[in-house]
Amino acid sequence: MIAKNVSTALAEFVVMHFLSMSLDASQQAEFVGQITRHQQALRAYIVSLMPGMDGVQDVLQETNLVLWEKRGKFKPGTHFQAWAYAIARYEVKAHRRKAIALGVTTLDDDLIEELAERGEKTPEELEQRLRSLNKCLGKLQDKERQLIEHRYFSGATLESFSAACGRPVDSLRVSLFRIRDALRQCINKELTRGELD
């Protein structure tokens, strides 16, 4: 009975909350669609501001929460991605401050701003870079691709991958550095080819 009362109260709260919001249902649906369409680019942008740092997924979640909380301030028809990137940049800085308080060495604010400026590409540029990245990932050997997928897509630690594959963590870090460098060169070549076509 208590569970039913709690879920009823929760349902009533949600309904009242939605009724009191300034966005109508179609605007809310459009806003959710915007967030969904930009998740991959937003995550890539956050990764670019936090190279080698843990917590990318946490920052992405915090960014999504802030986007949702501030949805009434977004003006439809304006550049959603630029707005989302600005919020993400502040969330990266907040994450950095927390990390510093815990004694973790991080990038300074000036460098984060420089990375942010470089990372703010148009959706077309980002799509072209993502296509190039996917093509270059396809050129990797299976072991290299597994390492990249584990490091950037699984959310698990490098230590767990080390235990699973039997390679030392330091060796994996060196491999990641080399693979990232090879991917960067491959992407640049692909982008250059695209400009020439």
N, C-alpha and C. Protein backbone atom coordinates (compact mmCIF):
# COMPACT_ATOMS: atom_id res chain seq x y z
N MET A 1 0.83 -1.20 0.00
CA MET A 1 0.00 0.00 0.00
C MET A 1 0.87 1.26 0.00
N ILE A 2 1.95 1.21 0.78
CA ILE A 2 2.84 2.37 0.84
C ILE A 2 3.45 2.62 -0.54
N ALA A 3 3.89 1.53 -1.20
CA ALA A 3 4.50 1.67 -2.53
C ALA A 3 3.51 2.29 -3.51
N LYS A 4 2.23 1.87 -3.41
CA LYS A 4 1.23 2.42 -4.30
C LYS A 4 1.05 3.91 -4.04
N ASN A 5 1.01 4.31 -2.74
CA ASN A 5 0.87 5.72 -2.40
C ASN A 5 2.07 6.54 -2.88
N VAL A 6 3.27 5.96 -2.74
CA VAL A 6 4.48 6.65 -3.20
C VAL A 6 4.45 6.82 -4.70
N SER A 7 4.12 5.76 -5.44
CA SER A 7 4.10 5.88 -6.89
C SER A 7 2.97 6.80 -7.35
N THR A 8 1.84 6.82 -6.64
CA THR A 8 0.76 7.74 -6.98
C THR A 8 1.20 9.18 -6.74
N ALA A 9 1.86 9.40 -5.61
CA ALA A 9 2.36 10.74 -5.30
C ALA A 9 3.40 11.18 -6.32
N LEU A 10 4.26 10.25 -6.71
CA LEU A 10 5.27 10.56 -7.71
C LEU A 10 4.62 10.91 -9.04
N ALA A 11 3.63 10.12 -9.44
CA ALA A 11 2.93 10.38 -10.69
C ALA A 11 2.24 11.74 -10.66
N GLU A 12 1.61 12.07 -9.53
CA GLU A 12 0.95 13.37 -9.40
C GLU A 12 1.97 14.50 -9.47
N PHE A 13 3.13 14.31 -8.82
CA PHE A 13 4.18 15.32 -8.87
C PHE A 13 4.64 15.54 -10.30
N VAL A 14 4.89 14.46 -11.02
CA VAL A 14 5.35 14.57 -12.40
C VAL A 14 4.32 15.30 -13.25
N VAL A 15 3.05 14.94 -13.10
CA VAL A 15 2.00 15.59 -13.88
C VAL A 15 1.94 17.08 -13.53
N MET A 16 1.97 17.42 -12.24
CA MET A 16 1.92 18.81 -11.83
C MET A 16 3.14 19.57 -12.33
N HIS A 17 4.29 18.91 -12.26
CA HIS A 17 5.52 19.53 -12.73
C HIS A 17 5.43 19.87 -14.22
N PHE A 18 4.97 18.92 -15.01
CA PHE A 18 4.85 19.16 -16.44
C PHE A 18 3.78 20.20 -16.76
N LEU A 19 2.71 20.22 -15.98
CA LEU A 19 1.67 21.21 -16.23
C LEU A 19 2.15 22.62 -15.90
N SER A 20 3.06 22.72 -14.94
CA SER A 20 3.52 24.04 -14.52
C SER A 20 4.67 24.57 -15.38
N MET A 21 5.19 23.77 -16.27
CA MET A 21 6.34 24.19 -17.07
C MET A 21 5.89 25.10 -18.21
N SER A 22 6.84 25.93 -18.65
CA SER A 22 6.52 26.88 -19.70
C SER A 22 6.50 26.25 -21.10
N LEU A 23 7.06 25.06 -21.25
CA LEU A 23 7.08 24.41 -22.56
C LEU A 23 5.87 23.50 -22.71
N ASP A 24 5.24 23.54 -23.88
CA ASP A 24 4.15 22.61 -24.11
C ASP A 24 4.72 21.25 -24.51
N ALA A 25 3.86 20.26 -24.65
CA ALA A 25 4.31 18.88 -24.91
C ALA A 25 5.12 18.77 -26.20
N SER A 26 4.71 19.46 -27.25
CA SER A 26 5.46 19.36 -28.50
C SER A 26 6.83 20.02 -28.38
N GLN A 27 6.91 21.11 -27.62
CA GLN A 27 8.21 21.76 -27.40
C GLN A 27 9.12 20.86 -26.56
N GLN A 28 8.52 20.20 -25.56
CA GLN A 28 9.31 19.28 -24.75
C GLN A 28 9.83 18.12 -25.60
N ALA A 29 8.98 17.59 -26.45
CA ALA A 29 9.39 16.48 -27.32
C ALA A 29 10.52 16.93 -28.24
N GLU A 30 10.41 18.14 -28.79
CA GLU A 30 11.46 18.67 -29.66
C GLU A 30 12.75 18.85 -28.87
N PHE A 31 12.65 19.33 -27.63
CA PHE A 31 13.84 19.53 -26.81
C PHE A 31 14.52 18.20 -26.50
N VAL A 32 13.75 17.19 -26.15
CA VAL A 32 14.31 15.86 -25.91
C VAL A 32 14.97 15.34 -27.18
N GLY A 33 14.35 15.58 -28.32
CA GLY A 33 14.94 15.19 -29.60
C GLY A 33 16.27 15.88 -29.84
N GLN A 34 16.35 17.16 -29.50
CA GLN A 34 17.60 17.91 -29.66
C GLN A 34 18.70 17.29 -28.79
N ILE A 35 18.37 17.01 -27.53
CA ILE A 35 19.35 16.41 -26.63
C ILE A 35 19.81 15.07 -27.19
N THR A 36 18.87 14.26 -27.63
CA THR A 36 19.19 12.93 -28.16
C THR A 36 20.06 13.02 -29.40
N ARG A 37 19.70 13.90 -30.33
CA ARG A 37 20.48 14.05 -31.57
C ARG A 37 21.91 14.51 -31.32
N HIS A 38 22.13 15.25 -30.26
CA HIS A 38 23.45 15.83 -30.02
C HIS A 38 24.28 15.06 -28.99
N GLN A 39 23.80 13.92 -28.48
CA GLN A 39 24.54 13.19 -27.45
C GLN A 39 25.94 12.78 -27.88
N GLN A 40 26.07 12.23 -29.06
CA GLN A 40 27.37 11.74 -29.51
C GLN A 40 28.35 12.91 -29.67
N ALA A 41 27.91 13.98 -30.27
CA ALA A 41 28.77 15.15 -30.45
C ALA A 41 29.09 15.80 -29.11
N LEU A 42 28.12 15.84 -28.22
CA LEU A 42 28.33 16.43 -26.90
C LEU A 42 29.34 15.62 -26.10
N ARG A 43 29.23 14.30 -26.18
CA ARG A 43 30.19 13.45 -25.48
C ARG A 43 31.60 13.64 -26.06
N ALA A 44 31.69 13.70 -27.38
CA ALA A 44 32.99 13.91 -28.02
C ALA A 44 33.58 15.26 -27.61
N TYR A 45 32.75 16.26 -27.51
CA TYR A 45 33.21 17.58 -27.10
C TYR A 45 33.74 17.53 -25.66
N ILE A 46 33.02 16.86 -24.77
CA ILE A 46 33.46 16.75 -23.39
C ILE A 46 34.78 15.99 -23.31
N VAL A 47 34.90 14.90 -24.07
CA VAL A 47 36.17 14.14 -24.11
C VAL A 47 37.30 15.06 -24.55
N SER A 48 37.04 15.92 -25.54
CA SER A 48 38.09 16.82 -26.03
C SER A 48 38.53 17.82 -24.97
N LEU A 49 37.65 18.14 -24.04
CA LEU A 49 37.99 19.07 -22.97
C LEU A 49 38.61 18.38 -21.76
N MET A 50 38.54 17.06 -21.74
CA MET A 50 39.04 16.29 -20.59
C MET A 50 39.99 15.18 -21.05
N PRO A 51 40.99 15.49 -21.87
CA PRO A 51 41.83 14.41 -22.38
C PRO A 51 42.52 13.66 -21.26
N GLY A 52 42.31 12.35 -21.25
CA GLY A 52 42.95 11.50 -20.25
C GLY A 52 42.33 11.55 -18.87
N MET A 53 41.29 12.36 -18.67
CA MET A 53 40.67 12.46 -17.35
C MET A 53 39.51 11.49 -17.22
N ASP A 54 39.31 11.02 -16.01
CA ASP A 54 38.15 10.20 -15.71
C ASP A 54 36.94 11.12 -15.52
N GLY A 55 35.76 10.56 -15.64
CA GLY A 55 34.56 11.31 -15.32
C GLY A 55 33.80 11.87 -16.51
N VAL A 56 34.16 11.49 -17.71
CA VAL A 56 33.47 12.01 -18.90
C VAL A 56 31.98 11.71 -18.82
N GLN A 57 31.64 10.47 -18.47
CA GLN A 57 30.22 10.09 -18.41
C GLN A 57 29.49 10.89 -17.34
N ASP A 58 30.15 11.13 -16.20
CA ASP A 58 29.54 11.93 -15.14
C ASP A 58 29.26 13.35 -15.63
N VAL A 59 30.24 13.94 -16.32
CA VAL A 59 30.07 15.30 -16.83
C VAL A 59 28.96 15.34 -17.87
N LEU A 60 28.88 14.32 -18.72
CA LEU A 60 27.81 14.26 -19.71
C LEU A 60 26.44 14.20 -19.02
N GLN A 61 26.33 13.39 -17.99
CA GLN A 61 25.07 13.29 -17.27
C GLN A 61 24.71 14.62 -16.59
N GLU A 62 25.70 15.25 -15.97
CA GLU A 62 25.45 16.56 -15.34
C GLU A 62 25.03 17.59 -16.38
N THR A 63 25.69 17.56 -17.53
CA THR A 63 25.34 18.48 -18.61
C THR A 63 23.91 18.25 -19.06
N ASN A 64 23.52 16.98 -19.22
CA ASN A 64 22.14 16.68 -19.62
C ASN A 64 21.15 17.17 -18.57
N LEU A 65 21.48 17.02 -17.30
CA LEU A 65 20.59 17.51 -16.24
C LEU A 65 20.43 19.03 -16.31
N VAL A 66 21.54 19.73 -16.49
CA VAL A 66 21.48 21.19 -16.57
C VAL A 66 20.70 21.62 -17.82
N LEU A 67 20.94 20.93 -18.94
CA LEU A 67 20.17 21.24 -20.15
C LEU A 67 18.68 21.11 -19.88
N TRP A 68 18.30 20.03 -19.21
CA TRP A 68 16.88 19.80 -18.92
C TRP A 68 16.35 20.86 -17.96
N GLU A 69 17.14 21.19 -16.93
CA GLU A 69 16.69 22.19 -15.96
C GLU A 69 16.53 23.57 -16.62
N LYS A 70 17.36 23.87 -17.61
CA LYS A 70 17.33 25.18 -18.25
C LYS A 70 16.57 25.17 -19.57
N ARG A 71 15.82 24.13 -19.83
CA ARG A 71 15.14 23.99 -21.12
C ARG A 71 14.21 25.15 -21.43
N GLY A 72 13.66 25.77 -20.42
CA GLY A 72 12.77 26.91 -20.64
C GLY A 72 13.51 28.13 -21.15
N LYS A 73 14.83 28.17 -20.96
CA LYS A 73 15.63 29.31 -21.40
C LYS A 73 16.12 29.16 -22.84
N PHE A 74 16.02 27.93 -23.37
CA PHE A 74 16.47 27.72 -24.75
C PHE A 74 15.42 28.28 -25.70
N LYS A 75 15.89 29.02 -26.68
CA LYS A 75 14.99 29.60 -27.68
C LYS A 75 14.99 28.72 -28.93
N PRO A 76 13.86 28.07 -29.23
CA PRO A 76 13.78 27.25 -30.44
C PRO A 76 14.18 28.06 -31.67
N GLY A 77 14.92 27.40 -32.54
CA GLY A 77 15.38 28.07 -33.74
C GLY A 77 16.80 28.59 -33.61
N THR A 78 17.31 28.64 -32.37
CA THR A 78 18.70 29.05 -32.18
C THR A 78 19.58 27.81 -32.23
N HIS A 79 20.88 27.99 -32.13
CA HIS A 79 21.84 26.91 -32.30
C HIS A 79 21.95 26.08 -31.01
N PHE A 80 21.22 24.97 -30.94
CA PHE A 80 21.18 24.13 -29.75
C PHE A 80 22.57 23.62 -29.38
N GLN A 81 23.33 23.17 -30.36
CA GLN A 81 24.64 22.57 -30.07
C GLN A 81 25.57 23.58 -29.40
N ALA A 82 25.59 24.81 -29.87
CA ALA A 82 26.43 25.83 -29.26
C ALA A 82 26.02 26.07 -27.81
N TRP A 83 24.72 26.11 -27.56
CA TRP A 83 24.20 26.30 -26.21
C TRP A 83 24.59 25.12 -25.32
N ALA A 84 24.44 23.91 -25.83
CA ALA A 84 24.79 22.71 -25.07
C ALA A 84 26.30 22.67 -24.79
N TYR A 85 27.10 23.05 -25.76
CA TYR A 85 28.56 23.08 -25.57
C TYR A 85 28.95 24.07 -24.48
N ALA A 86 28.30 25.23 -24.43
CA ALA A 86 28.61 26.22 -23.40
C ALA A 86 28.32 25.64 -22.02
N ILE A 87 27.20 24.96 -21.88
CA ILE A 87 26.86 24.33 -20.60
C ILE A 87 27.86 23.23 -20.27
N ALA A 88 28.22 22.43 -21.26
CA ALA A 88 29.20 21.36 -21.04
C ALA A 88 30.54 21.93 -20.57
N ARG A 89 30.94 23.05 -21.17
CA ARG A 89 32.22 23.66 -20.79
C ARG A 89 32.20 24.04 -19.30
N TYR A 90 31.09 24.60 -18.81
CA TYR A 90 30.99 24.95 -17.40
C TYR A 90 30.99 23.70 -16.51
N GLU A 91 30.35 22.64 -16.99
CA GLU A 91 30.33 21.40 -16.22
C GLU A 91 31.72 20.77 -16.15
N VAL A 92 32.50 20.87 -17.23
CA VAL A 92 33.88 20.36 -17.21
C VAL A 92 34.69 21.15 -16.19
N LYS A 93 34.50 22.47 -16.16
CA LYS A 93 35.22 23.29 -15.19
C LYS A 93 34.83 22.93 -13.76
N ALA A 94 33.54 22.68 -13.53
CA ALA A 94 33.08 22.28 -12.19
C ALA A 94 33.71 20.94 -11.80
N HIS A 95 33.76 20.01 -12.75
CA HIS A 95 34.37 18.70 -12.50
C HIS A 95 35.85 18.89 -12.17
N ARG A 96 36.50 19.77 -12.90
CA ARG A 96 37.92 20.05 -12.68
C ARG A 96 38.14 20.60 -11.27
N ARG A 97 37.29 21.53 -10.84
CA ARG A 97 37.43 22.09 -9.49
C ARG A 97 37.30 21.00 -8.43
N LYS A 98 36.35 20.09 -8.63
CA LYS A 98 36.18 18.99 -7.67
C LYS A 98 37.41 18.10 -7.67
N ALA A 99 37.96 17.83 -8.85
CA ALA A 99 39.15 16.98 -8.95
C ALA A 99 40.35 17.63 -8.25
N ILE A 100 40.50 18.94 -8.44
CA ILE A 100 41.60 19.66 -7.80
C ILE A 100 41.45 19.59 -6.28
N ALA A 101 40.22 19.73 -5.80
CA ALA A 101 39.98 19.65 -4.35
C ALA A 101 40.37 18.28 -3.80
N LEU A 102 40.31 17.25 -4.65
CA LEU A 102 40.70 15.90 -4.23
C LEU A 102 42.19 15.64 -4.46
N GLY A 103 42.91 16.65 -4.98
CA GLY A 103 44.34 16.51 -5.20
C GLY A 103 44.72 15.94 -6.56
N VAL A 104 43.79 15.89 -7.49
CA VAL A 104 44.07 15.36 -8.83
C VAL A 104 44.59 16.50 -9.71
N THR A 105 45.64 16.25 -10.46
CA THR A 105 46.18 17.23 -11.39
C THR A 105 45.32 17.26 -12.65
N THR A 106 44.92 18.46 -13.07
CA THR A 106 44.07 18.61 -14.25
C THR A 106 44.57 19.76 -15.11
N LEU A 107 43.91 19.95 -16.24
CA LEU A 107 44.22 21.06 -17.13
C LEU A 107 43.77 22.38 -16.49
N ASP A 108 44.46 23.46 -16.82
CA ASP A 108 44.02 24.75 -16.28
C ASP A 108 42.88 25.32 -17.13
N ASP A 109 42.18 26.34 -16.59
CA ASP A 109 41.01 26.90 -17.25
C ASP A 109 41.33 27.49 -18.62
N ASP A 110 42.50 28.14 -18.76
CA ASP A 110 42.87 28.73 -20.05
C ASP A 110 42.99 27.66 -21.13
N LEU A 111 43.61 26.54 -20.78
CA LEU A 111 43.76 25.45 -21.74
C LEU A 111 42.40 24.85 -22.09
N ILE A 112 41.53 24.71 -21.10
CA ILE A 112 40.18 24.20 -21.36
C ILE A 112 39.45 25.13 -22.32
N GLU A 113 39.59 26.45 -22.13
CA GLU A 113 38.95 27.41 -23.04
C GLU A 113 39.49 27.27 -24.46
N GLU A 114 40.82 27.09 -24.58
CA GLU A 114 41.41 26.93 -25.91
C GLU A 114 40.90 25.65 -26.57
N LEU A 115 40.84 24.57 -25.79
CA LEU A 115 40.32 23.32 -26.33
C LEU A 115 38.85 23.47 -26.73
N ALA A 116 38.11 24.21 -25.91
CA ALA A 116 36.68 24.41 -26.20
C ALA A 116 36.50 25.15 -27.52
N GLU A 117 37.31 26.18 -27.74
CA GLU A 117 37.20 26.94 -29.00
C GLU A 117 37.52 26.05 -30.19
N ARG A 118 38.53 25.21 -30.04
CA ARG A 118 38.89 24.31 -31.14
C ARG A 118 37.82 23.25 -31.36
N GLY A 119 37.15 22.86 -30.27
CA GLY A 119 36.16 21.79 -30.35
C GLY A 119 34.81 22.22 -30.87
N GLU A 120 34.55 23.51 -30.93
CA GLU A 120 33.25 24.00 -31.37
C GLU A 120 33.19 24.04 -32.89
N LYS A 121 32.83 22.92 -33.45
CA LYS A 121 32.72 22.79 -34.90
C LYS A 121 31.25 22.82 -35.28
N THR A 122 31.00 23.08 -36.56
CA THR A 122 29.63 23.02 -37.04
C THR A 122 29.20 21.56 -37.09
N PRO A 123 27.90 21.29 -37.05
CA PRO A 123 27.44 19.91 -37.12
C PRO A 123 27.98 19.17 -38.36
N GLU A 124 28.09 19.87 -39.48
CA GLU A 124 28.59 19.24 -40.70
C GLU A 124 30.05 18.82 -40.53
N GLU A 125 30.85 19.72 -39.90
CA GLU A 125 32.26 19.39 -39.67
C GLU A 125 32.39 18.20 -38.74
N LEU A 126 31.56 18.19 -37.69
CA LEU A 126 31.60 17.08 -36.75
C LEU A 126 31.21 15.77 -37.42
N GLU A 127 30.17 15.82 -38.24
CA GLU A 127 29.73 14.61 -38.94
C GLU A 127 30.83 14.09 -39.85
N GLN A 128 31.51 15.00 -40.54
CA GLN A 128 32.60 14.59 -41.43
C GLN A 128 33.74 13.98 -40.61
N ARG A 129 34.04 14.56 -39.45
CA ARG A 129 35.10 14.01 -38.60
C ARG A 129 34.69 12.63 -38.07
N LEU A 130 33.42 12.48 -37.69
CA LEU A 130 32.95 11.19 -37.18
C LEU A 130 33.00 10.11 -38.26
N ARG A 131 32.62 10.48 -39.50
CA ARG A 131 32.71 9.52 -40.60
C ARG A 131 34.16 9.11 -40.82
N SER A 132 35.07 10.09 -40.77
CA SER A 132 36.50 9.79 -40.93
C SER A 132 37.00 8.90 -39.79
N LEU A 133 36.56 9.21 -38.57
CA LEU A 133 36.96 8.39 -37.42
C LEU A 133 36.49 6.96 -37.59
N ASN A 134 35.23 6.78 -37.97
CA ASN A 134 34.70 5.42 -38.16
C ASN A 134 35.48 4.66 -39.23
N LYS A 135 35.81 5.36 -40.32
CA LYS A 135 36.59 4.73 -41.38
C LYS A 135 37.97 4.32 -40.86
N CYS A 136 38.60 5.20 -40.09
CA CYS A 136 39.93 4.92 -39.54
C CYS A 136 39.88 3.83 -38.48
N LEU A 137 38.83 3.80 -37.69
CA LEU A 137 38.68 2.72 -36.70
C LEU A 137 38.59 1.37 -37.42
N GLY A 138 37.95 1.36 -38.57
CA GLY A 138 37.84 0.13 -39.35
C GLY A 138 39.17 -0.37 -39.87
N LYS A 139 40.15 0.50 -39.93
CA LYS A 139 41.48 0.10 -40.41
C LYS A 139 42.36 -0.46 -39.30
N LEU A 140 41.94 -0.33 -38.06
CA LEU A 140 42.74 -0.83 -36.94
C LEU A 140 42.70 -2.35 -36.89
N GLN A 141 43.75 -2.92 -36.30
CA GLN A 141 43.75 -4.36 -36.04
C GLN A 141 42.74 -4.63 -34.93
N ASP A 142 42.27 -5.87 -34.84
CA ASP A 142 41.24 -6.22 -33.86
C ASP A 142 41.66 -5.86 -32.43
N LYS A 143 42.89 -6.18 -32.06
CA LYS A 143 43.36 -5.90 -30.69
C LYS A 143 43.38 -4.40 -30.42
N GLU A 144 43.77 -3.61 -31.41
CA GLU A 144 43.80 -2.16 -31.24
C GLU A 144 42.38 -1.61 -31.08
N ARG A 145 41.47 -2.10 -31.92
CA ARG A 145 40.08 -1.65 -31.85
C ARG A 145 39.46 -2.03 -30.51
N GLN A 146 39.75 -3.23 -30.02
CA GLN A 146 39.23 -3.66 -28.72
C GLN A 146 39.70 -2.75 -27.61
N LEU A 147 40.97 -2.37 -27.66
CA LEU A 147 41.53 -1.48 -26.64
C LEU A 147 40.84 -0.11 -26.70
N ILE A 148 40.68 0.43 -27.88
CA ILE A 148 40.02 1.73 -28.04
C ILE A 148 38.56 1.64 -27.56
N GLU A 149 37.86 0.61 -27.96
CA GLU A 149 36.46 0.46 -27.55
C GLU A 149 36.35 0.32 -26.04
N HIS A 150 37.26 -0.43 -25.45
CA HIS A 150 37.22 -0.60 -24.00
C HIS A 150 37.48 0.74 -23.31
N ARG A 151 38.48 1.46 -23.76
CA ARG A 151 38.87 2.70 -23.10
C ARG A 151 37.81 3.79 -23.23
N TYR A 152 37.21 3.91 -24.41
CA TYR A 152 36.34 5.06 -24.66
C TYR A 152 34.85 4.76 -24.69
N PHE A 153 34.48 3.50 -24.80
CA PHE A 153 33.05 3.21 -24.93
C PHE A 153 32.48 2.34 -23.81
N SER A 154 33.32 1.61 -23.10
CA SER A 154 32.78 0.69 -22.09
C SER A 154 32.60 1.35 -20.74
N GLY A 155 33.38 2.37 -20.45
CA GLY A 155 33.30 3.00 -19.14
C GLY A 155 34.10 2.26 -18.08
N ALA A 156 34.69 1.13 -18.44
CA ALA A 156 35.49 0.34 -17.49
C ALA A 156 36.92 0.90 -17.44
N THR A 157 37.66 0.48 -16.44
CA THR A 157 39.01 1.00 -16.25
C THR A 157 40.02 0.27 -17.14
N LEU A 158 41.14 0.91 -17.34
CA LEU A 158 42.23 0.31 -18.08
C LEU A 158 42.79 -0.88 -17.30
N GLU A 159 42.73 -0.79 -15.99
CA GLU A 159 43.21 -1.88 -15.13
C GLU A 159 42.40 -3.16 -15.36
N SER A 160 41.08 -3.01 -15.54
CA SER A 160 40.26 -4.20 -15.78
C SER A 160 40.58 -4.82 -17.13
N PHE A 161 40.87 -3.98 -18.12
CA PHE A 161 41.25 -4.49 -19.44
C PHE A 161 42.61 -5.18 -19.35
N SER A 162 43.50 -4.60 -18.55
CA SER A 162 44.82 -5.19 -18.34
C SER A 162 44.68 -6.60 -17.77
N ALA A 163 43.82 -6.75 -16.79
CA ALA A 163 43.60 -8.05 -16.17
C ALA A 163 43.00 -9.04 -17.17
N ALA A 164 42.09 -8.55 -18.01
CA ALA A 164 41.42 -9.43 -18.97
C ALA A 164 42.34 -9.89 -20.10
N CYS A 165 43.24 -8.99 -20.54
CA CYS A 165 44.07 -9.34 -21.69
C CYS A 165 45.48 -9.78 -21.30
N GLY A 166 45.85 -9.59 -20.03
CA GLY A 166 47.15 -10.05 -19.57
C GLY A 166 48.32 -9.13 -19.92
N ARG A 167 48.03 -7.90 -20.30
CA ARG A 167 49.09 -6.93 -20.61
C ARG A 167 49.20 -5.92 -19.48
N PRO A 168 50.42 -5.45 -19.19
CA PRO A 168 50.58 -4.43 -18.15
C PRO A 168 49.87 -3.13 -18.52
N VAL A 169 49.40 -2.41 -17.51
CA VAL A 169 48.68 -1.15 -17.73
C VAL A 169 49.55 -0.15 -18.46
N ASP A 170 50.82 -0.05 -18.09
CA ASP A 170 51.72 0.92 -18.75
C ASP A 170 51.87 0.60 -20.24
N SER A 171 51.93 -0.68 -20.56
CA SER A 171 52.02 -1.09 -21.96
C SER A 171 50.76 -0.68 -22.72
N LEU A 172 49.61 -0.82 -22.07
CA LEU A 172 48.35 -0.43 -22.70
C LEU A 172 48.30 1.09 -22.92
N ARG A 173 48.81 1.85 -21.96
CA ARG A 173 48.84 3.31 -22.11
C ARG A 173 49.70 3.72 -23.31
N VAL A 174 50.85 3.07 -23.45
CA VAL A 174 51.72 3.37 -24.61
C VAL A 174 50.99 3.00 -25.90
N SER A 175 50.33 1.85 -25.91
CA SER A 175 49.58 1.44 -27.10
C SER A 175 48.47 2.45 -27.41
N LEU A 176 47.76 2.91 -26.39
CA LEU A 176 46.70 3.90 -26.60
C LEU A 176 47.26 5.17 -27.22
N PHE A 177 48.41 5.61 -26.72
CA PHE A 177 49.03 6.81 -27.25
C PHE A 177 49.34 6.62 -28.74
N ARG A 178 49.92 5.50 -29.08
CA ARG A 178 50.27 5.23 -30.48
C ARG A 178 49.03 5.10 -31.37
N ILE A 179 48.01 4.42 -30.86
CA ILE A 179 46.78 4.24 -31.64
C ILE A 179 46.10 5.59 -31.86
N ARG A 180 46.01 6.40 -30.80
CA ARG A 180 45.39 7.73 -30.95
C ARG A 180 46.15 8.58 -31.96
N ASP A 181 47.48 8.50 -31.92
CA ASP A 181 48.28 9.26 -32.88
C ASP A 181 48.01 8.78 -34.31
N ALA A 182 47.96 7.45 -34.48
CA ALA A 182 47.67 6.89 -35.81
C ALA A 182 46.27 7.30 -36.27
N LEU A 183 45.29 7.29 -35.35
CA LEU A 183 43.93 7.70 -35.71
C LEU A 183 43.89 9.18 -36.09
N ARG A 184 44.60 10.01 -35.34
CA ARG A 184 44.65 11.44 -35.64
C ARG A 184 45.21 11.67 -37.05
N GLN A 185 46.31 10.99 -37.37
CA GLN A 185 46.90 11.13 -38.70
C GLN A 185 45.95 10.63 -39.79
N CYS A 186 45.32 9.49 -39.53
CA CYS A 186 44.37 8.92 -40.50
C CYS A 186 43.20 9.86 -40.72
N ILE A 187 42.65 10.41 -39.65
CA ILE A 187 41.51 11.33 -39.76
C ILE A 187 41.91 12.56 -40.57
N ASN A 188 43.07 13.11 -40.28
CA ASN A 188 43.53 14.30 -41.02
C ASN A 188 43.68 13.99 -42.51
N LYS A 189 44.20 12.80 -42.84
CA LYS A 189 44.32 12.41 -44.25
C LYS A 189 42.94 12.29 -44.90
N GLU A 190 42.01 11.66 -44.17
CA GLU A 190 40.65 11.50 -44.71
C GLU A 190 39.98 12.85 -44.93
N LEU A 191 40.17 13.76 -43.99
CA LEU A 191 39.57 15.09 -44.13
C LEU A 191 40.19 15.85 -45.29
N THR A 192 41.49 15.71 -45.46
CA THR A 192 42.17 16.36 -46.58
C THR A 192 41.68 15.79 -47.90
N ARG A 193 41.49 14.48 -47.97
CA ARG A 193 40.95 13.87 -49.19
C ARG A 193 39.56 14.40 -49.49
N GLY A 194 38.77 14.54 -48.43
CA GLY A 194 37.40 15.05 -48.60
C GLY A 194 37.38 16.48 -49.13
N GLU A 195 38.35 17.29 -48.72
CA GLU A 195 38.42 18.68 -49.19
C GLU A 195 38.82 18.72 -50.67
N LEU A 196 39.64 17.75 -51.08
CA LEU A 196 40.10 17.73 -52.47
C LEU A 196 39.03 17.21 -53.43
N ASP A 197 38.10 16.41 -52.92
CA ASP A 197 37.06 15.83 -53.78
C ASP A 197 36.03 16.87 -54.22
